[in-house]
Amino acid sequence: VFLLMLFYDSYRYQAALAILLTGIYLAIRFYFLKKYHQGNFPD
């Protein structure tokens, strides 16, 4: 849904920010999961 919202001018900035935040969180979570075997994915 966030990717689809990128095509609408009124939601483009917020949707891009949502994708960025989600991506950063997933990258951090995946890093800790692989390196330290810590927690669940997704949590």
PDB file of all heavy atoms in Angstrom:
ATOM      1  N   VAL A   1       0.844  -1.205   0.000  1.00  0.00           N
ATOM      2  CA  VAL A   1       0.000   0.000   0.000  1.00  0.00           C
ATOM      3  C   VAL A   1       0.875   1.248   0.000  1.00  0.00           C
ATOM      4  O   VAL A   1       0.599   2.220  -0.726  1.00  0.00           O
ATOM      5  CB  VAL A   1      -0.972  -0.014   1.206  1.00  0.00           C
ATOM      6  CG1 VAL A   1      -1.664   1.328   1.366  1.00  0.00           C
ATOM      7  CG2 VAL A   1      -1.996  -1.125   1.047  1.00  0.00           C
ATOM      8  N   PHE A   2       1.976   1.233   0.777  1.00  0.00           N
ATOM      9  CA  PHE A   2       2.882   2.389   0.785  1.00  0.00           C
ATOM     10  C   PHE A   2       3.499   2.595  -0.597  1.00  0.00           C
ATOM     11  O   PHE A   2       3.649   3.731  -1.053  1.00  0.00           O
ATOM     12  CB  PHE A   2       3.994   2.209   1.824  1.00  0.00           C
ATOM     13  CG  PHE A   2       3.509   2.176   3.254  1.00  0.00           C
ATOM     14  CD1 PHE A   2       4.215   1.461   4.216  1.00  0.00           C
ATOM     15  CD2 PHE A   2       2.365   2.844   3.656  1.00  0.00           C
ATOM     16  CE1 PHE A   2       3.785   1.423   5.532  1.00  0.00           C
ATOM     17  CE2 PHE A   2       1.926   2.816   4.968  1.00  0.00           C
ATOM     18  CZ  PHE A   2       2.637   2.094   5.914  1.00  0.00           C
ATOM     19  N   LEU A   3       3.845   1.494  -1.263  1.00  0.00           N
ATOM     20  CA  LEU A   3       4.404   1.605  -2.615  1.00  0.00           C
ATOM     21  C   LEU A   3       3.386   2.190  -3.592  1.00  0.00           C
ATOM     22  O   LEU A   3       3.732   3.010  -4.451  1.00  0.00           O
ATOM     23  CB  LEU A   3       4.896   0.247  -3.106  1.00  0.00           C
ATOM     24  CG  LEU A   3       6.184  -0.284  -2.469  1.00  0.00           C
ATOM     25  CD1 LEU A   3       6.434  -1.720  -2.894  1.00  0.00           C
ATOM     26  CD2 LEU A   3       7.367   0.604  -2.830  1.00  0.00           C
ATOM     27  N   LEU A   4       2.136   1.777  -3.477  1.00  0.00           N
ATOM     28  CA  LEU A   4       1.090   2.340  -4.333  1.00  0.00           C
ATOM     29  C   LEU A   4       0.876   3.822  -4.055  1.00  0.00           C
ATOM     30  O   LEU A   4       0.593   4.600  -4.967  1.00  0.00           O
ATOM     31  CB  LEU A   4      -0.223   1.581  -4.142  1.00  0.00           C
ATOM     32  CG  LEU A   4      -0.281   0.187  -4.759  1.00  0.00           C
ATOM     33  CD1 LEU A   4      -1.578  -0.516  -4.373  1.00  0.00           C
ATOM     34  CD2 LEU A   4      -0.165   0.274  -6.274  1.00  0.00           C
ATOM     35  N   MET A   5       1.031   4.215  -2.812  1.00  0.00           N
ATOM     36  CA  MET A   5       0.836   5.623  -2.451  1.00  0.00           C
ATOM     37  C   MET A   5       1.937   6.511  -3.013  1.00  0.00           C
ATOM     38  O   MET A   5       1.759   7.732  -3.087  1.00  0.00           O
ATOM     39  CB  MET A   5       0.759   5.780  -0.934  1.00  0.00           C
ATOM     40  CG  MET A   5      -0.503   5.256  -0.336  1.00  0.00           C
ATOM     41  SD  MET A   5      -0.482   5.503   1.445  1.00  0.00           S
ATOM     42  CE  MET A   5      -2.214   5.384   1.797  1.00  0.00           C
ATOM     43  N   LEU A   6       3.047   5.935  -3.400  1.00  0.00           N
ATOM     44  CA  LEU A   6       4.119   6.722  -4.015  1.00  0.00           C
ATOM     45  C   LEU A   6       3.665   7.362  -5.331  1.00  0.00           C
ATOM     46  O   LEU A   6       4.231   8.358  -5.767  1.00  0.00           O
ATOM     47  CB  LEU A   6       5.354   5.850  -4.269  1.00  0.00           C
ATOM     48  CG  LEU A   6       6.163   5.429  -3.046  1.00  0.00           C
ATOM     49  CD1 LEU A   6       7.269   4.472  -3.455  1.00  0.00           C
ATOM     50  CD2 LEU A   6       6.729   6.631  -2.325  1.00  0.00           C
ATOM     51  N   PHE A   7       2.661   6.785  -5.964  1.00  0.00           N
ATOM     52  CA  PHE A   7       2.174   7.296  -7.243  1.00  0.00           C
ATOM     53  C   PHE A   7       1.205   8.475  -7.093  1.00  0.00           C
ATOM     54  O   PHE A   7       0.794   9.063  -8.085  1.00  0.00           O
ATOM     55  CB  PHE A   7       1.505   6.172  -8.047  1.00  0.00           C
ATOM     56  CG  PHE A   7       2.476   5.101  -8.451  1.00  0.00           C
ATOM     57  CD1 PHE A   7       2.447   3.853  -7.839  1.00  0.00           C
ATOM     58  CD2 PHE A   7       3.427   5.333  -9.431  1.00  0.00           C
ATOM     59  CE1 PHE A   7       3.335   2.870  -8.209  1.00  0.00           C
ATOM     60  CE2 PHE A   7       4.327   4.351  -9.802  1.00  0.00           C
ATOM     61  CZ  PHE A   7       4.285   3.119  -9.189  1.00  0.00           C
ATOM     62  N   TYR A   8       0.825   8.780  -5.859  1.00  0.00           N
ATOM     63  CA  TYR A   8      -0.075   9.906  -5.605  1.00  0.00           C
ATOM     64  C   TYR A   8       0.724  11.055  -5.000  1.00  0.00           C
ATOM     65  O   TYR A   8       1.420  10.874  -4.001  1.00  0.00           O
ATOM     66  CB  TYR A   8      -1.215   9.493  -4.654  1.00  0.00           C
ATOM     67  CG  TYR A   8      -2.112   8.451  -5.252  1.00  0.00           C
ATOM     68  CD1 TYR A   8      -1.935   7.098  -4.950  1.00  0.00           C
ATOM     69  CD2 TYR A   8      -3.138   8.811  -6.111  1.00  0.00           C
ATOM     70  CE1 TYR A   8      -2.754   6.139  -5.499  1.00  0.00           C
ATOM     71  CE2 TYR A   8      -3.971   7.859  -6.663  1.00  0.00           C
ATOM     72  CZ  TYR A   8      -3.771   6.521  -6.360  1.00  0.00           C
ATOM     73  OH  TYR A   8      -4.584   5.574  -6.914  1.00  0.00           O
ATOM     74  N   ASP A   9       0.610  12.225  -5.611  1.00  0.00           N
ATOM     75  CA  ASP A   9       1.394  13.373  -5.172  1.00  0.00           C
ATOM     76  C   ASP A   9       1.121  13.756  -3.714  1.00  0.00           C
ATOM     77  O   ASP A   9       2.030  14.149  -2.991  1.00  0.00           O
ATOM     78  CB  ASP A   9       1.118  14.586  -6.072  1.00  0.00           C
ATOM     79  CG  ASP A   9       1.690  14.391  -7.463  1.00  0.00           C
ATOM     80  OD1 ASP A   9       2.673  13.620  -7.589  1.00  0.00           O
ATOM     81  OD2 ASP A   9       1.162  14.995  -8.416  1.00  0.00           O
ATOM     82  N   SER A  10      -0.118  13.641  -3.286  1.00  0.00           N
ATOM     83  CA  SER A  10      -0.464  14.081  -1.931  1.00  0.00           C
ATOM     84  C   SER A  10       0.098  13.161  -0.842  1.00  0.00           C
ATOM     85  O   SER A  10       0.218  13.571   0.312  1.00  0.00           O
ATOM     86  CB  SER A  10      -1.981  14.203  -1.786  1.00  0.00           C
ATOM     87  OG  SER A  10      -2.595  12.974  -2.073  1.00  0.00           O
ATOM     88  N   TYR A  11       0.433  11.902  -1.191  1.00  0.00           N
ATOM     89  CA  TYR A  11       0.933  10.950  -0.198  1.00  0.00           C
ATOM     90  C   TYR A  11       2.391  10.551  -0.424  1.00  0.00           C
ATOM     91  O   TYR A  11       2.926   9.769   0.340  1.00  0.00           O
ATOM     92  CB  TYR A  11       0.090   9.664  -0.205  1.00  0.00           C
ATOM     93  CG  TYR A  11      -1.343   9.865   0.161  1.00  0.00           C
ATOM     94  CD1 TYR A  11      -2.352   9.598  -0.755  1.00  0.00           C
ATOM     95  CD2 TYR A  11      -1.692  10.300   1.432  1.00  0.00           C
ATOM     96  CE1 TYR A  11      -3.682   9.771  -0.411  1.00  0.00           C
ATOM     97  CE2 TYR A  11      -3.016  10.471   1.779  1.00  0.00           C
ATOM     98  CZ  TYR A  11      -4.002  10.207   0.849  1.00  0.00           C
ATOM     99  OH  TYR A  11      -5.311  10.375   1.191  1.00  0.00           O
ATOM    100  N   ARG A  12       3.020  11.065  -1.475  1.00  0.00           N
ATOM    101  CA  ARG A  12       4.346  10.590  -1.882  1.00  0.00           C
ATOM    102  C   ARG A  12       5.381  10.709  -0.762  1.00  0.00           C
ATOM    103  O   ARG A  12       6.093   9.761  -0.463  1.00  0.00           O
ATOM    104  CB  ARG A  12       4.817  11.344  -3.127  1.00  0.00           C
ATOM    105  CG  ARG A  12       6.138  10.805  -3.657  1.00  0.00           C
ATOM    106  CD  ARG A  12       6.487  11.366  -5.010  1.00  0.00           C
ATOM    107  NE  ARG A  12       5.529  10.835  -5.988  1.00  0.00           N
ATOM    108  CZ  ARG A  12       5.010  11.546  -6.983  1.00  0.00           C
ATOM    109  NH1 ARG A  12       5.348  12.805  -7.147  1.00  0.00           N
ATOM    110  NH2 ARG A  12       4.157  11.009  -7.814  1.00  0.00           N
ATOM    111  N   TYR A  13       5.471  11.870  -0.133  1.00  0.00           N
ATOM    112  CA  TYR A  13       6.483  12.090   0.899  1.00  0.00           C
ATOM    113  C   TYR A  13       6.254  11.171   2.108  1.00  0.00           C
ATOM    114  O   TYR A  13       7.175  10.524   2.602  1.00  0.00           O
ATOM    115  CB  TYR A  13       6.475  13.559   1.332  1.00  0.00           C
ATOM    116  CG  TYR A  13       7.396  13.848   2.475  1.00  0.00           C
ATOM    117  CD1 TYR A  13       8.782  13.870   2.298  1.00  0.00           C
ATOM    118  CD2 TYR A  13       6.889  14.088   3.751  1.00  0.00           C
ATOM    119  CE1 TYR A  13       9.630  14.124   3.358  1.00  0.00           C
ATOM    120  CE2 TYR A  13       7.727  14.341   4.812  1.00  0.00           C
ATOM    121  CZ  TYR A  13       9.103  14.361   4.612  1.00  0.00           C
ATOM    122  OH  TYR A  13       9.937  14.599   5.662  1.00  0.00           O
ATOM    123  N   GLN A  14       5.016  11.096   2.593  1.00  0.00           N
ATOM    124  CA  GLN A  14       4.708  10.265   3.758  1.00  0.00           C
ATOM    125  C   GLN A  14       4.902   8.785   3.463  1.00  0.00           C
ATOM    126  O   GLN A  14       5.400   8.028   4.300  1.00  0.00           O
ATOM    127  CB  GLN A  14       3.266  10.508   4.242  1.00  0.00           C
ATOM    128  CG  GLN A  14       3.028  11.880   4.806  1.00  0.00           C
ATOM    129  CD  GLN A  14       2.520  12.850   3.747  1.00  0.00           C
ATOM    130  OE1 GLN A  14       2.642  12.611   2.548  1.00  0.00           O
ATOM    131  NE2 GLN A  14       1.956  13.961   4.201  1.00  0.00           N
ATOM    132  N   ALA A  15       4.504   8.361   2.251  1.00  0.00           N
ATOM    133  CA  ALA A  15       4.665   6.952   1.880  1.00  0.00           C
ATOM    134  C   ALA A  15       6.144   6.584   1.763  1.00  0.00           C
ATOM    135  O   ALA A  15       6.565   5.508   2.212  1.00  0.00           O
ATOM    136  CB  ALA A  15       3.940   6.665   0.568  1.00  0.00           C
ATOM    137  N   ALA A  16       6.950   7.482   1.183  1.00  0.00           N
ATOM    138  CA  ALA A  16       8.390   7.223   1.082  1.00  0.00           C
ATOM    139  C   ALA A  16       9.024   7.139   2.465  1.00  0.00           C
ATOM    140  O   ALA A  16       9.867   6.268   2.728  1.00  0.00           O
ATOM    141  CB  ALA A  16       9.064   8.305   0.245  1.00  0.00           C
ATOM    142  N   LEU A  17       8.603   8.011   3.362  1.00  0.00           N
ATOM    143  CA  LEU A  17       9.116   7.987   4.727  1.00  0.00           C
ATOM    144  C   LEU A  17       8.698   6.703   5.444  1.00  0.00           C
ATOM    145  O   LEU A  17       9.493   6.102   6.180  1.00  0.00           O
ATOM    146  CB  LEU A  17       8.624   9.215   5.494  1.00  0.00           C
ATOM    147  CG  LEU A  17       9.201   9.411   6.882  1.00  0.00           C
ATOM    148  CD1 LEU A  17      10.723   9.581   6.815  1.00  0.00           C
ATOM    149  CD2 LEU A  17       8.570  10.625   7.539  1.00  0.00           C
ATOM    150  N   ALA A  18       7.472   6.261   5.228  1.00  0.00           N
ATOM    151  CA  ALA A  18       6.993   5.013   5.837  1.00  0.00           C
ATOM    152  C   ALA A  18       7.807   3.824   5.337  1.00  0.00           C
ATOM    153  O   ALA A  18       8.200   2.949   6.122  1.00  0.00           O
ATOM    154  CB  ALA A  18       5.508   4.817   5.536  1.00  0.00           C
ATOM    155  N   ILE A  19       8.079   3.781   4.031  1.00  0.00           N
ATOM    156  CA  ILE A  19       8.889   2.695   3.473  1.00  0.00           C
ATOM    157  C   ILE A  19      10.302   2.748   4.036  1.00  0.00           C
ATOM    158  O   ILE A  19      10.886   1.715   4.393  1.00  0.00           O
ATOM    159  CB  ILE A  19       8.893   2.766   1.932  1.00  0.00           C
ATOM    160  CG1 ILE A  19       7.496   2.439   1.396  1.00  0.00           C
ATOM    161  CG2 ILE A  19       9.922   1.812   1.346  1.00  0.00           C
ATOM    162  CD1 ILE A  19       7.330   2.707  -0.075  1.00  0.00           C
ATOM    163  N   LEU A  20      10.860   3.942   4.150  1.00  0.00           N
ATOM    164  CA  LEU A  20      12.212   4.102   4.680  1.00  0.00           C
ATOM    165  C   LEU A  20      12.283   3.637   6.137  1.00  0.00           C
ATOM    166  O   LEU A  20      13.187   2.871   6.510  1.00  0.00           O
ATOM    167  CB  LEU A  20      12.660   5.559   4.572  1.00  0.00           C
ATOM    168  CG  LEU A  20      14.065   5.861   5.102  1.00  0.00           C
ATOM    169  CD1 LEU A  20      15.113   5.178   4.240  1.00  0.00           C
ATOM    170  CD2 LEU A  20      14.299   7.357   5.153  1.00  0.00           C
ATOM    171  N   LEU A  21      11.343   4.072   6.974  1.00  0.00           N
ATOM    172  CA  LEU A  21      11.333   3.664   8.379  1.00  0.00           C
ATOM    173  C   LEU A  21      11.161   2.152   8.529  1.00  0.00           C
ATOM    174  O   LEU A  21      11.852   1.519   9.332  1.00  0.00           O
ATOM    175  CB  LEU A  21      10.213   4.388   9.133  1.00  0.00           C
ATOM    176  CG  LEU A  21      10.434   5.857   9.439  1.00  0.00           C
ATOM    177  CD1 LEU A  21       9.188   6.462  10.062  1.00  0.00           C
ATOM    178  CD2 LEU A  21      11.622   6.021  10.370  1.00  0.00           C
ATOM    179  N   THR A  22      10.253   1.596   7.756  1.00  0.00           N
ATOM    180  CA  THR A  22      10.033   0.155   7.815  1.00  0.00           C
ATOM    181  C   THR A  22      11.283  -0.590   7.366  1.00  0.00           C
ATOM    182  O   THR A  22      11.692  -1.575   7.990  1.00  0.00           O
ATOM    183  CB  THR A  22       8.823  -0.237   6.942  1.00  0.00           C
ATOM    184  OG1 THR A  22       7.687   0.531   7.349  1.00  0.00           O
ATOM    185  CG2 THR A  22       8.505  -1.705   7.073  1.00  0.00           C
ATOM    186  N   GLY A  23      11.901  -0.122   6.303  1.00  0.00           N
ATOM    187  CA  GLY A  23      13.125  -0.756   5.805  1.00  0.00           C
ATOM    188  C   GLY A  23      14.270  -0.679   6.801  1.00  0.00           C
ATOM    189  O   GLY A  23      14.997  -1.663   7.007  1.00  0.00           O
ATOM    190  N   ILE A  24      14.455   0.473   7.430  1.00  0.00           N
ATOM    191  CA  ILE A  24      15.520   0.631   8.433  1.00  0.00           C
ATOM    192  C   ILE A  24      15.281  -0.313   9.606  1.00  0.00           C
ATOM    193  O   ILE A  24      16.196  -1.002  10.064  1.00  0.00           O
ATOM    194  CB  ILE A  24      15.620   2.095   8.907  1.00  0.00           C
ATOM    195  CG1 ILE A  24      16.193   2.966   7.791  1.00  0.00           C
ATOM    196  CG2 ILE A  24      16.481   2.203  10.164  1.00  0.00           C
ATOM    197  CD1 ILE A  24      16.127   4.458   8.093  1.00  0.00           C
ATOM    198  N   TYR A  25      14.040  -0.354  10.081  1.00  0.00           N
ATOM    199  CA  TYR A  25      13.737  -1.234  11.211  1.00  0.00           C
ATOM    200  C   TYR A  25      13.979  -2.692  10.829  1.00  0.00           C
ATOM    201  O   TYR A  25      14.571  -3.449  11.608  1.00  0.00           O
ATOM    202  CB  TYR A  25      12.302  -1.050  11.699  1.00  0.00           C
ATOM    203  CG  TYR A  25      11.977  -2.011  12.800  1.00  0.00           C
ATOM    204  CD1 TYR A  25      12.465  -1.782  14.082  1.00  0.00           C
ATOM    205  CD2 TYR A  25      11.255  -3.164  12.563  1.00  0.00           C
ATOM    206  CE1 TYR A  25      12.222  -2.685  15.098  1.00  0.00           C
ATOM    207  CE2 TYR A  25      11.012  -4.066  13.569  1.00  0.00           C
ATOM    208  CZ  TYR A  25      11.496  -3.834  14.832  1.00  0.00           C
ATOM    209  OH  TYR A  25      11.259  -4.735  15.827  1.00  0.00           O
ATOM    210  N   LEU A  26      13.528  -3.104   9.650  1.00  0.00           N
ATOM    211  CA  LEU A  26      13.728  -4.490   9.224  1.00  0.00           C
ATOM    212  C   LEU A  26      15.209  -4.826   9.083  1.00  0.00           C
ATOM    213  O   LEU A  26      15.640  -5.923   9.455  1.00  0.00           O
ATOM    214  CB  LEU A  26      12.987  -4.753   7.912  1.00  0.00           C
ATOM    215  CG  LEU A  26      11.468  -4.795   8.012  1.00  0.00           C
ATOM    216  CD1 LEU A  26      10.858  -4.937   6.623  1.00  0.00           C
ATOM    217  CD2 LEU A  26      11.022  -5.928   8.916  1.00  0.00           C
ATOM    218  N   ALA A  27      15.998  -3.898   8.561  1.00  0.00           N
ATOM    219  CA  ALA A  27      17.436  -4.139   8.419  1.00  0.00           C
ATOM    220  C   ALA A  27      18.102  -4.300   9.779  1.00  0.00           C
ATOM    221  O   ALA A  27      18.917  -5.216   9.980  1.00  0.00           O
ATOM    222  CB  ALA A  27      18.079  -2.994   7.638  1.00  0.00           C
ATOM    223  N   ILE A  28      17.764  -3.436  10.726  1.00  0.00           N
ATOM    224  CA  ILE A  28      18.335  -3.534  12.073  1.00  0.00           C
ATOM    225  C   ILE A  28      17.911  -4.838  12.739  1.00  0.00           C
ATOM    226  O   ILE A  28      18.727  -5.551  13.334  1.00  0.00           O
ATOM    227  CB  ILE A  28      17.919  -2.314  12.926  1.00  0.00           C
ATOM    228  CG1 ILE A  28      18.591  -1.050  12.392  1.00  0.00           C
ATOM    229  CG2 ILE A  28      18.254  -2.527  14.397  1.00  0.00           C
ATOM    230  CD1 ILE A  28      18.058   0.228  13.014  1.00  0.00           C
ATOM    231  N   ARG A  29      16.657  -5.161  12.624  1.00  0.00           N
ATOM    232  CA  ARG A  29      16.127  -6.385  13.242  1.00  0.00           C
ATOM    233  C   ARG A  29      16.780  -7.620  12.641  1.00  0.00           C
ATOM    234  O   ARG A  29      17.144  -8.563  13.354  1.00  0.00           O
ATOM    235  CB  ARG A  29      14.613  -6.417  13.038  1.00  0.00           C
ATOM    236  CG  ARG A  29      13.931  -7.403  13.859  1.00  0.00           C
ATOM    237  CD  ARG A  29      13.870  -6.918  15.281  1.00  0.00           C
ATOM    238  NE  ARG A  29      13.371  -8.015  16.055  1.00  0.00           N
ATOM    239  CZ  ARG A  29      13.777  -8.303  17.272  1.00  0.00           C
ATOM    240  NH1 ARG A  29      14.639  -7.550  17.859  1.00  0.00           N
ATOM    241  NH2 ARG A  29      13.305  -9.320  17.902  1.00  0.00           N
ATOM    242  N   PHE A  30      16.921  -7.636  11.324  1.00  0.00           N
ATOM    243  CA  PHE A  30      17.526  -8.772  10.640  1.00  0.00           C
ATOM    244  C   PHE A  30      18.997  -8.905  11.047  1.00  0.00           C
ATOM    245  O   PHE A  30      19.500 -10.015  11.239  1.00  0.00           O
ATOM    246  CB  PHE A  30      17.387  -8.611   9.126  1.00  0.00           C
ATOM    247  CG  PHE A  30      17.714  -9.837   8.358  1.00  0.00           C
ATOM    248  CD1 PHE A  30      16.890 -10.945   8.406  1.00  0.00           C
ATOM    249  CD2 PHE A  30      18.860  -9.898   7.582  1.00  0.00           C
ATOM    250  CE1 PHE A  30      17.200 -12.093   7.704  1.00  0.00           C
ATOM    251  CE2 PHE A  30      19.178 -11.036   6.868  1.00  0.00           C
ATOM    252  CZ  PHE A  30      18.346 -12.131   6.925  1.00  0.00           C
ATOM    253  N   TYR A  31      19.689  -7.778  11.194  1.00  0.00           N
ATOM    254  CA  TYR A  31      21.092  -7.790  11.615  1.00  0.00           C
ATOM    255  C   TYR A  31      21.242  -8.433  12.996  1.00  0.00           C
ATOM    256  O   TYR A  31      22.079  -9.311  13.196  1.00  0.00           O
ATOM    257  CB  TYR A  31      21.653  -6.361  11.627  1.00  0.00           C
ATOM    258  CG  TYR A  31      23.017  -6.249  12.242  1.00  0.00           C
ATOM    259  CD1 TYR A  31      24.156  -6.652  11.551  1.00  0.00           C
ATOM    260  CD2 TYR A  31      23.174  -5.750  13.533  1.00  0.00           C
ATOM    261  CE1 TYR A  31      25.412  -6.557  12.127  1.00  0.00           C
ATOM    262  CE2 TYR A  31      24.418  -5.647  14.107  1.00  0.00           C
ATOM    263  CZ  TYR A  31      25.535  -6.058  13.411  1.00  0.00           C
ATOM    264  OH  TYR A  31      26.766  -5.973  13.983  1.00  0.00           O
ATOM    265  N   PHE A  32      20.426  -7.993  13.961  1.00  0.00           N
ATOM    266  CA  PHE A  32      20.515  -8.546  15.305  1.00  0.00           C
ATOM    267  C   PHE A  32      20.108 -10.018  15.336  1.00  0.00           C
ATOM    268  O   PHE A  32      20.654 -10.799  16.106  1.00  0.00           O
ATOM    269  CB  PHE A  32      19.675  -7.744  16.289  1.00  0.00           C
ATOM    270  CG  PHE A  32      20.344  -6.495  16.750  1.00  0.00           C
ATOM    271  CD1 PHE A  32      19.917  -5.256  16.302  1.00  0.00           C
ATOM    272  CD2 PHE A  32      21.415  -6.549  17.625  1.00  0.00           C
ATOM    273  CE1 PHE A  32      20.542  -4.102  16.729  1.00  0.00           C
ATOM    274  CE2 PHE A  32      22.048  -5.397  18.053  1.00  0.00           C
ATOM    275  CZ  PHE A  32      21.615  -4.168  17.603  1.00  0.00           C
ATOM    276  N   LEU A  33      19.166 -10.376  14.501  1.00  0.00           N
ATOM    277  CA  LEU A  33      18.735 -11.771  14.448  1.00  0.00           C
ATOM    278  C   LEU A  33      19.856 -12.661  13.930  1.00  0.00           C
ATOM    279  O   LEU A  33      20.136 -13.718  14.495  1.00  0.00           O
ATOM    280  CB  LEU A  33      17.492 -11.903  13.554  1.00  0.00           C
ATOM    281  CG  LEU A  33      16.938 -13.322  13.413  1.00  0.00           C
ATOM    282  CD1 LEU A  33      16.331 -13.770  14.730  1.00  0.00           C
ATOM    283  CD2 LEU A  33      15.897 -13.361  12.320  1.00  0.00           C
ATOM    284  N   LYS A  34      20.523 -12.240  12.873  1.00  0.00           N
ATOM    285  CA  LYS A  34      21.597 -13.048  12.291  1.00  0.00           C
ATOM    286  C   LYS A  34      22.861 -13.044  13.151  1.00  0.00           C
ATOM    287  O   LYS A  34      23.497 -14.075  13.315  1.00  0.00           O
ATOM    288  CB  LYS A  34      21.933 -12.548  10.876  1.00  0.00           C
ATOM    289  CG  LYS A  34      20.886 -12.899   9.858  1.00  0.00           C
ATOM    290  CD  LYS A  34      20.782 -14.387   9.726  1.00  0.00           C
ATOM    291  CE  LYS A  34      19.787 -14.750   8.659  1.00  0.00           C
ATOM    292  NZ  LYS A  34      19.537 -16.167   8.583  1.00  0.00           N
ATOM    293  N   LYS A  35      23.232 -11.899  13.672  1.00  0.00           N
ATOM    294  CA  LYS A  35      24.491 -11.793  14.405  1.00  0.00           C
ATOM    295  C   LYS A  35      24.395 -12.371  15.808  1.00  0.00           C
ATOM    296  O   LYS A  35      25.272 -13.093  16.251  1.00  0.00           O
ATOM    297  CB  LYS A  35      24.966 -10.350  14.465  1.00  0.00           C
ATOM    298  CG  LYS A  35      26.313 -10.227  15.136  1.00  0.00           C
ATOM    299  CD  LYS A  35      26.970  -8.916  14.876  1.00  0.00           C
ATOM    300  CE  LYS A  35      28.346  -8.946  15.537  1.00  0.00           C
ATOM    301  NZ  LYS A  35      29.229  -7.974  15.013  1.00  0.00           N
ATOM    302  N   TYR A  36      23.330 -12.048  16.529  1.00  0.00           N
ATOM    303  CA  TYR A  36      23.234 -12.437  17.934  1.00  0.00           C
ATOM    304  C   TYR A  36      22.169 -13.498  18.207  1.00  0.00           C
ATOM    305  O   TYR A  36      21.974 -13.878  19.363  1.00  0.00           O
ATOM    306  CB  TYR A  36      22.944 -11.205  18.800  1.00  0.00           C
ATOM    307  CG  TYR A  36      23.980 -10.123  18.662  1.00  0.00           C
ATOM    308  CD1 TYR A  36      23.686  -8.927  18.014  1.00  0.00           C
ATOM    309  CD2 TYR A  36      25.261 -10.297  19.169  1.00  0.00           C
ATOM    310  CE1 TYR A  36      24.632  -7.927  17.890  1.00  0.00           C
ATOM    311  CE2 TYR A  36      26.215  -9.304  19.039  1.00  0.00           C
ATOM    312  CZ  TYR A  36      25.897  -8.121  18.403  1.00  0.00           C
ATOM    313  OH  TYR A  36      26.836  -7.144  18.274  1.00  0.00           O
ATOM    314  N   HIS A  37      21.466 -13.924  17.172  1.00  0.00           N
ATOM    315  CA  HIS A  37      20.366 -14.889  17.330  1.00  0.00           C
ATOM    316  C   HIS A  37      19.411 -14.424  18.424  1.00  0.00           C
ATOM    317  O   HIS A  37      19.033 -15.161  19.308  1.00  0.00           O
ATOM    318  CB  HIS A  37      20.907 -16.284  17.642  1.00  0.00           C
ATOM    319  CG  HIS A  37      21.836 -16.795  16.607  1.00  0.00           C
ATOM    320  ND1 HIS A  37      21.417 -17.197  15.374  1.00  0.00           N
ATOM    321  CD2 HIS A  37      23.194 -16.933  16.610  1.00  0.00           C
ATOM    322  CE1 HIS A  37      22.455 -17.579  14.656  1.00  0.00           C
ATOM    323  NE2 HIS A  37      23.547 -17.428  15.375  1.00  0.00           N
ATOM    324  N   GLN A  38      19.037 -13.167  18.342  1.00  0.00           N
ATOM    325  CA  GLN A  38      18.274 -12.504  19.380  1.00  0.00           C
ATOM    326  C   GLN A  38      16.892 -12.136  18.855  1.00  0.00           C
ATOM    327  O   GLN A  38      16.750 -11.492  17.837  1.00  0.00           O
ATOM    328  CB  GLN A  38      19.030 -11.241  19.789  1.00  0.00           C
ATOM    329  CG  GLN A  38      18.418 -10.444  20.862  1.00  0.00           C
ATOM    330  CD  GLN A  38      19.289  -9.220  21.168  1.00  0.00           C
ATOM    331  OE1 GLN A  38      20.280  -8.968  20.508  1.00  0.00           O
ATOM    332  NE2 GLN A  38      18.893  -8.480  22.161  1.00  0.00           N
ATOM    333  N   GLY A  39      15.859 -12.588  19.560  1.00  0.00           N
ATOM    334  CA  GLY A  39      14.499 -12.171  19.251  1.00  0.00           C
ATOM    335  C   GLY A  39      13.850 -12.946  18.122  1.00  0.00           C
ATOM    336  O   GLY A  39      14.390 -13.902  17.589  1.00  0.00           O
ATOM    337  N   ASN A  40      12.666 -12.503  17.784  1.00  0.00           N
ATOM    338  CA  ASN A  40      11.871 -13.114  16.724  1.00  0.00           C
ATOM    339  C   ASN A  40      11.833 -12.198  15.519  1.00  0.00           C
ATOM    340  O   ASN A  40      11.979 -10.998  15.628  1.00  0.00           O
ATOM    341  CB  ASN A  40      10.441 -13.353  17.217  1.00  0.00           C
ATOM    342  CG  ASN A  40      10.385 -14.267  18.397  1.00  0.00           C
ATOM    343  OD1 ASN A  40      11.110 -15.246  18.459  1.00  0.00           O
ATOM    344  ND2 ASN A  40       9.543 -13.952  19.357  1.00  0.00           N
ATOM    345  N   PHE A  41      11.602 -12.780  14.376  1.00  0.00           N
ATOM    346  CA  PHE A  41      11.470 -11.975  13.171  1.00  0.00           C
ATOM    347  C   PHE A  41      10.210 -12.393  12.457  1.00  0.00           C
ATOM    348  O   PHE A  41      10.088 -13.556  12.084  1.00  0.00           O
ATOM    349  CB  PHE A  41      12.672 -12.199  12.243  1.00  0.00           C
ATOM    350  CG  PHE A  41      12.687 -11.252  11.081  1.00  0.00           C
ATOM    351  CD1 PHE A  41      13.114  -9.963  11.250  1.00  0.00           C
ATOM    352  CD2 PHE A  41      12.254 -11.658   9.837  1.00  0.00           C
ATOM    353  CE1 PHE A  41      13.133  -9.080  10.185  1.00  0.00           C
ATOM    354  CE2 PHE A  41      12.269 -10.798   8.771  1.00  0.00           C
ATOM    355  CZ  PHE A  41      12.715  -9.500   8.951  1.00  0.00           C
ATOM    356  N   PRO A  42       9.255 -11.557  12.231  1.00  0.00           N
ATOM    357  CA  PRO A  42       9.121 -10.185  12.727  1.00  0.00           C
ATOM    358  C   PRO A  42       8.615 -10.190  14.162  1.00  0.00           C
ATOM    359  O   PRO A  42       7.985 -11.134  14.596  1.00  0.00           O
ATOM    360  CB  PRO A  42       8.104  -9.566  11.785  1.00  0.00           C
ATOM    361  CG  PRO A  42       7.237 -10.704  11.392  1.00  0.00           C
ATOM    362  CD  PRO A  42       8.135 -11.919  11.352  1.00  0.00           C
ATOM    363  N   ASP A  43       8.843  -9.110  14.861  1.00  0.00           N
ATOM    364  CA  ASP A  43       8.345  -8.995  16.226  1.00  0.00           C
ATOM    365  C   ASP A  43       7.206  -7.983  16.267  1.00  0.00           C
ATOM    366  O   ASP A  43       6.878  -7.349  15.273  1.00  0.00           O
ATOM    367  CB  ASP A  43       9.466  -8.643  17.194  1.00  0.00           C
ATOM    368  CG  ASP A  43      10.040  -7.265  16.939  1.00  0.00           C
ATOM    369  OD1 ASP A  43       9.822  -6.724  15.852  1.00  0.00           O
ATOM    370  OD2 ASP A  43      10.718  -6.744  17.834  1.00  0.00           O
TER     371      ASP A  43
END
